[in-house]
Protein backbone atom coordinates (compact mmCIF):
# COMPACT_ATOMS: atom_id res chain seq x y z
CA ILE A 1 170.72 -172.18 -37.06
CA GLY A 2 172.93 -169.58 -35.43
CA ALA A 3 172.43 -167.58 -32.27
CA GLU A 4 169.29 -165.49 -31.83
CA LYS A 5 169.88 -161.99 -33.22
CA SER A 6 166.59 -160.30 -32.40
CA ASN A 7 163.75 -161.49 -30.21
CA GLY A 8 160.90 -158.99 -30.56
CA LYS A 9 161.76 -157.08 -27.38
CA SER A 10 161.78 -153.33 -27.54
CA SER A 11 164.64 -151.18 -26.27
CA ASN A 12 163.02 -151.07 -22.80
CA GLY A 13 163.17 -154.89 -22.62
CA LYS A 14 159.42 -155.45 -22.88
CA SER A 15 158.17 -158.05 -25.32
CA GLU A 16 156.37 -156.86 -28.45
CA ARG A 17 153.59 -159.41 -28.87
CA HIS A 18 151.40 -158.72 -31.88
CA PRO A 19 149.15 -161.09 -33.83
CA TYR A 20 150.73 -160.39 -37.22
CA HIS A 21 149.40 -163.11 -39.50
CA VAL A 22 150.78 -161.79 -42.79
CA VAL A 23 154.49 -161.06 -43.09
CA PHE A 24 156.98 -160.87 -45.93
CA PHE A 25 160.57 -159.81 -46.59
CA TYR A 26 161.73 -157.60 -49.45
CA GLN A 27 164.75 -155.59 -50.61
CA ILE A 28 165.11 -152.25 -52.34
CA ASN A 29 168.51 -150.93 -53.45
CA GLY A 30 170.40 -153.26 -51.12
CA LYS A 31 168.32 -152.43 -48.03
CA SER A 32 166.20 -155.14 -46.42
CA TYR A 33 162.75 -154.68 -44.92
CA PHE A 34 159.88 -156.70 -43.57
CA TYR A 35 156.19 -155.94 -43.75
CA ALA A 36 153.76 -157.23 -41.12
CA HIS A 37 149.94 -157.00 -41.02
CA SER A 38 147.47 -158.13 -38.36
CA THR A 39 144.21 -159.42 -39.80
CA ASP A 40 142.66 -158.97 -36.32
CA THR A 41 143.63 -155.37 -35.48
CA LEU A 42 144.15 -154.28 -39.14
CA LYS A 43 147.47 -152.66 -38.11
CA TRP A 44 150.47 -152.92 -40.41
CA TYR A 45 154.08 -151.79 -40.28
CA ILE A 46 157.35 -151.93 -42.16
CA LYS A 47 160.69 -152.26 -40.35
CA GLU A 48 164.21 -152.17 -41.71
CA LEU A 49 166.41 -155.22 -41.19
CA SER A 50 170.06 -154.45 -40.51
CA ASP A 51 173.40 -156.23 -40.62
CA GLY A 52 173.73 -158.98 -38.09
CA GLY A 53 170.06 -159.93 -38.43
CA LYS A 54 168.77 -157.13 -36.20
CA ILE A 55 165.27 -155.75 -36.56
CA GLY A 56 165.56 -152.00 -36.91
CA GLU A 57 163.21 -149.10 -36.50
CA GLU A 58 159.75 -148.83 -37.97
CA THR A 59 159.81 -146.95 -41.28
CA ALA A 60 156.06 -146.87 -41.96
CA CYS A 61 152.85 -147.97 -40.23
CA GLY A 62 149.11 -147.61 -40.37
CA ILE A 63 145.74 -149.28 -40.08
CA TRP A 64 143.94 -150.76 -43.09
CA GLU A 65 140.15 -150.57 -43.38
CA THR A 66 140.06 -154.25 -44.37
CA PRO A 67 142.16 -157.27 -43.41
CA TYR A 68 144.36 -158.67 -46.17
CA HIS A 69 144.88 -162.38 -45.57
CA VAL A 70 147.13 -163.11 -48.55
CA ALA A 71 150.10 -160.91 -49.49
CA PHE A 72 153.45 -161.19 -51.25
CA PRO A 73 156.13 -158.91 -52.71
CA PHE A 74 157.38 -159.10 -56.29
CA GLN A 75 159.78 -157.25 -58.56
CA ILE A 76 159.43 -156.18 -62.15
CA GLY A 77 162.52 -154.52 -63.51
CA ASP A 78 163.97 -152.30 -60.80
CA ARG A 79 160.62 -151.65 -59.08
CA THR A 80 159.17 -153.56 -56.12
CA TYR A 81 155.46 -154.09 -55.48
CA TYR A 82 153.25 -156.10 -53.23
CA TYR A 83 149.97 -157.86 -53.89
CA ALA A 84 147.33 -158.15 -51.13
CA GLN A 85 143.94 -159.87 -51.07
CA ASN A 86 141.01 -160.17 -48.68
CA VAL A 87 139.70 -163.77 -48.75
CA ASP A 88 136.19 -162.77 -47.63
CA SER A 89 135.42 -160.13 -50.27
CA ASN A 90 137.98 -161.36 -52.86
CA CYS A 91 139.12 -157.75 -53.30
CA TRP A 92 142.80 -157.33 -54.17
CA TYR A 93 145.24 -154.55 -54.91
CA ILE A 94 148.85 -153.99 -55.95
CA GLN A 95 150.90 -151.20 -54.39
CA GLU A 96 154.47 -150.10 -54.97
CA LEU A 97 157.06 -150.43 -52.20
CA VAL A 98 159.59 -147.58 -52.37
CA GLU A 99 162.93 -146.56 -50.86
CA GLY A 100 163.15 -145.89 -47.17
CA GLY A 101 160.68 -148.63 -46.27
CA GLN A 102 157.67 -146.63 -47.43
CA LEU A 103 154.51 -147.43 -49.39
CA GLY A 104 154.19 -145.90 -52.83
CA GLU A 105 151.12 -145.53 -55.01
CA GLU A 106 148.48 -148.19 -55.55
CA THR A 107 149.01 -149.41 -59.12
CA ASP A 108 146.09 -151.80 -59.70
CA GLN A 109 143.06 -153.27 -57.94
CA GLY A 110 140.11 -155.53 -58.58
CA GLN A 111 137.86 -158.24 -57.25
CA TRP A 112 138.19 -161.94 -58.06
CA LEU A 113 135.11 -164.07 -58.66
CA ASN A 114 136.63 -166.67 -56.31
CA THR A 115 138.84 -166.70 -53.24
CA TYR A 116 142.50 -167.61 -53.74
CA HIS A 117 143.80 -168.84 -50.41
CA VAL A 118 147.21 -169.77 -51.80
CA ALA A 119 149.05 -167.25 -53.97
CA PHE A 120 152.63 -166.42 -54.89
CA PRO A 121 154.71 -164.81 -57.64
CA PHE A 122 157.30 -166.51 -59.79
CA THR A 123 159.56 -165.37 -62.61
CA ILE A 124 160.50 -167.35 -65.72
CA ASN A 125 162.67 -165.93 -68.52
CA GLY A 126 162.32 -162.38 -67.21
CA ARG A 127 158.51 -162.51 -67.01
CA THR A 128 156.73 -162.42 -63.64
CA PHE A 129 153.55 -164.37 -62.98
CA TYR A 130 150.92 -164.76 -60.26
CA TYR A 131 149.78 -168.24 -59.20
CA GLY A 132 146.44 -168.42 -57.39
CA HIS A 133 144.73 -171.52 -55.95
CA ASN A 134 141.30 -171.97 -54.35
CA ILE A 135 141.51 -174.75 -51.72
CA ASP A 136 137.73 -175.31 -51.74
CA SER A 137 137.22 -175.90 -55.48
CA ASN A 138 140.87 -176.89 -56.26
CA TYR A 139 140.82 -174.40 -59.16
CA TRP A 140 144.14 -172.75 -59.99
CA PHE A 141 145.30 -170.16 -62.50
CA ILE A 142 148.40 -168.29 -63.62
CA GLN A 143 148.27 -164.65 -64.64
CA GLU A 144 151.09 -162.38 -65.76
CA LEU A 145 152.17 -159.41 -63.61
CA LEU A 146 153.17 -156.46 -65.80
CA GLU A 147 155.39 -153.40 -65.66
CA GLY A 148 153.93 -150.59 -63.62
CA GLY A 149 152.47 -153.08 -61.11
CA LYS A 150 149.53 -154.10 -63.29
CA MET A 151 147.71 -157.44 -63.44
CA GLY A 152 148.00 -158.89 -66.93
CA GLU A 153 146.23 -161.65 -68.82
CA GLU A 154 145.61 -165.19 -67.59
CA THR A 155 148.04 -167.62 -69.21
CA ALA A 156 146.90 -171.00 -67.80
CA ASN A 157 144.30 -172.56 -65.50
CA GLY A 158 142.93 -175.88 -64.35
CA THR A 159 141.66 -177.90 -61.43
CA TRP A 160 143.89 -180.03 -59.19
CA GLN A 161 142.66 -183.38 -57.92
CA ASN A 162 143.34 -182.20 -54.34
CA ALA A 163 143.65 -178.90 -52.55
CA HIS A 164 147.22 -177.78 -51.87
CA HIS A 165 147.46 -175.68 -48.71
CA VAL A 166 151.20 -175.15 -49.02
CA CYS A 167 152.77 -174.26 -52.37
CA PHE A 168 155.94 -172.56 -53.52
CA PRO A 169 157.95 -172.29 -56.74
CA TYR A 170 161.64 -173.07 -57.05
CA GLN A 171 164.29 -173.36 -59.72
CA ILE A 172 167.18 -175.79 -60.08
CA LYS A 173 169.56 -174.88 -62.89
CA ASP A 174 167.34 -174.12 -65.90
CA LYS A 175 164.23 -176.02 -64.74
CA TYR A 176 161.30 -174.60 -62.80
CA TYR A 177 159.23 -176.57 -60.30
CA LEU A 178 156.19 -176.16 -58.11
CA TYR A 179 156.13 -177.79 -54.67
CA MET A 180 152.60 -178.55 -53.47
CA HIS A 181 151.45 -180.12 -50.20
CA ASN A 182 147.98 -181.08 -49.02
CA THR A 183 147.83 -180.74 -45.23
CA THR A 184 144.64 -182.80 -44.83
CA ASN A 185 145.49 -186.01 -46.76
């Protein structure tokens, strides 16, 4: 790990302490951004990340009506989207992320029958999928994410023997893997 590049202090030297529980990084046309959302205050913002690892100026901000506990970015073709879900109501939506660190139009929305505490996108052979896992029932499913930021059809599902609180996909050469970790056993 190299030297600290940015420490959350504003230009006046005061610390910016915010309870942002949901954060993710994304890129559009070579520019890097990060999105942050507080499930307590419902505030969200997007900031540009610059060369040298510096956190730049805020490009967009607001206050949601509902907290979104699960969120991730994904790309389909040359367009970038993000998925967000409330784990209490199971409501979800997909919204486009556009140039300049701004939010675009909402492209899809719905309500799951169950809560999916663990969720992430992955791409295989040019197709992008959503993995969702309920840590109470151990149920999991995979559903395709489509052009235009739409939720497609379910392609697989099942029930794990244990809940997996930490999961992520990865690829080595031409093989795809899923890392899963149960934090209670």
